[in-house]
């Protein structure tokens, strides 16, 4: 789908340690999306392609939870202040 015809809000979440699709692809996609549609972007070390040895820190875990909750709030129309 060409980006100019996109009308749905977009939330991008990507694992920093993804060894299949680099996180840079998500950042590139974010730069190409219309600002009015891009709601949130998070590249997190908490996520990866099946890395069972990863031990994310508390801060990274909190950022992931915050991202997911923020996306849910936006979808429900309860934007609030960040």
Protein backbone atom coordinates (compact mmCIF):
# COMPACT_ATOMS: atom_id res chain seq x y z
CA UNK A 1 0.00 0.00 0.00
CA UNK A 2 1.48 3.38 -0.94
CA UNK A 3 2.04 5.56 2.12
CA UNK A 4 0.00 8.52 0.82
CA UNK A 5 -3.15 6.37 0.86
CA UNK A 6 -2.60 5.17 4.43
CA UNK A 7 -5.28 6.46 6.82
CA UNK A 8 -4.96 4.26 9.94
CA UNK A 9 -2.89 5.27 12.98
CA UNK A 10 0.50 3.53 13.05
CA UNK A 11 2.40 2.15 16.06
CA UNK A 12 5.87 0.77 15.42
CA UNK A 13 7.55 -1.62 17.85
CA UNK A 14 10.82 -3.38 17.04
CA UNK A 15 13.47 -5.36 18.87
CA UNK A 16 16.85 -3.66 18.95
CA UNK A 17 18.63 -7.03 18.88
CA UNK A 18 16.55 -8.40 16.01
CA UNK A 19 19.03 -10.37 13.93
CA UNK A 20 16.63 -10.96 11.02
CA UNK A 21 15.23 -7.50 10.28
CA UNK A 22 17.42 -4.64 11.53
CA UNK A 23 15.80 -2.07 13.80
CA UNK A 24 16.99 0.59 11.35
CA UNK A 25 14.18 -0.57 9.04
CA UNK A 26 11.59 0.51 11.60
CA UNK A 27 13.27 3.88 12.05
CA UNK A 28 13.33 4.32 8.27
CA UNK A 29 9.64 3.43 8.08
CA UNK A 30 8.86 5.94 10.83
CA UNK A 31 10.67 8.66 8.88
CA UNK A 32 8.57 7.91 5.79
CA UNK A 33 5.16 7.86 7.49
CA UNK A 34 2.99 10.97 7.63
CA UNK A 35 3.43 12.63 11.06
CA UNK A 36 -0.33 12.77 11.49
CA UNK A 37 -0.54 8.97 11.39
CA UNK A 38 2.59 7.95 13.30
CA UNK A 39 1.44 7.64 16.90
CA UNK A 40 4.39 5.96 18.60
CA UNK A 41 7.75 4.33 17.85
CA UNK A 42 9.80 2.15 20.18
CA UNK A 43 12.95 0.20 19.40
CA UNK A 44 13.52 -1.87 22.52
CA UNK A 45 16.26 -4.23 23.73
CA UNK A 46 13.51 -6.20 25.48
CA UNK A 47 12.41 -7.70 22.15
CA UNK A 48 14.41 -9.87 19.78
CA UNK A 49 14.08 -12.91 17.55
CA UNK A 50 14.00 -15.70 20.14
CA UNK A 51 16.90 -14.69 22.36
CA UNK A 52 16.30 -16.60 25.58
CA UNK A 53 19.56 -15.39 27.13
CA UNK A 54 18.64 -11.70 27.03
CA UNK A 55 18.22 -10.00 30.39
CA UNK A 56 16.64 -6.57 29.79
CA UNK A 57 16.99 -3.95 32.48
CA UNK A 58 14.11 -2.53 34.49
CA UNK A 59 14.18 0.75 32.52
CA UNK A 60 13.82 -1.08 29.19
CA UNK A 61 11.01 -3.24 30.55
CA UNK A 62 9.22 -0.11 31.81
CA UNK A 63 9.56 1.60 28.41
CA UNK A 64 7.99 -1.42 26.70
CA UNK A 65 5.06 -1.50 29.15
CA UNK A 66 4.62 2.27 28.76
CA UNK A 67 4.60 1.93 24.96
CA UNK A 68 1.94 -0.79 25.04
CA UNK A 69 -0.26 1.06 27.54
CA UNK A 70 0.08 4.33 25.62
CA UNK A 71 -0.95 2.61 22.39
CA UNK A 72 -4.00 1.10 24.10
CA UNK A 73 -4.99 4.48 25.54
CA UNK A 74 -4.66 6.16 22.14
CA UNK A 75 -6.78 3.51 20.49
CA UNK A 76 -9.51 4.05 23.08
CA UNK A 77 -9.42 7.80 22.53
CA UNK A 78 -8.00 8.62 25.96
CA UNK A 79 -4.90 10.50 24.88
CA UNK A 80 -4.12 12.36 28.09
CA UNK A 81 -0.75 14.05 28.52
CA UNK A 82 2.47 12.17 28.06
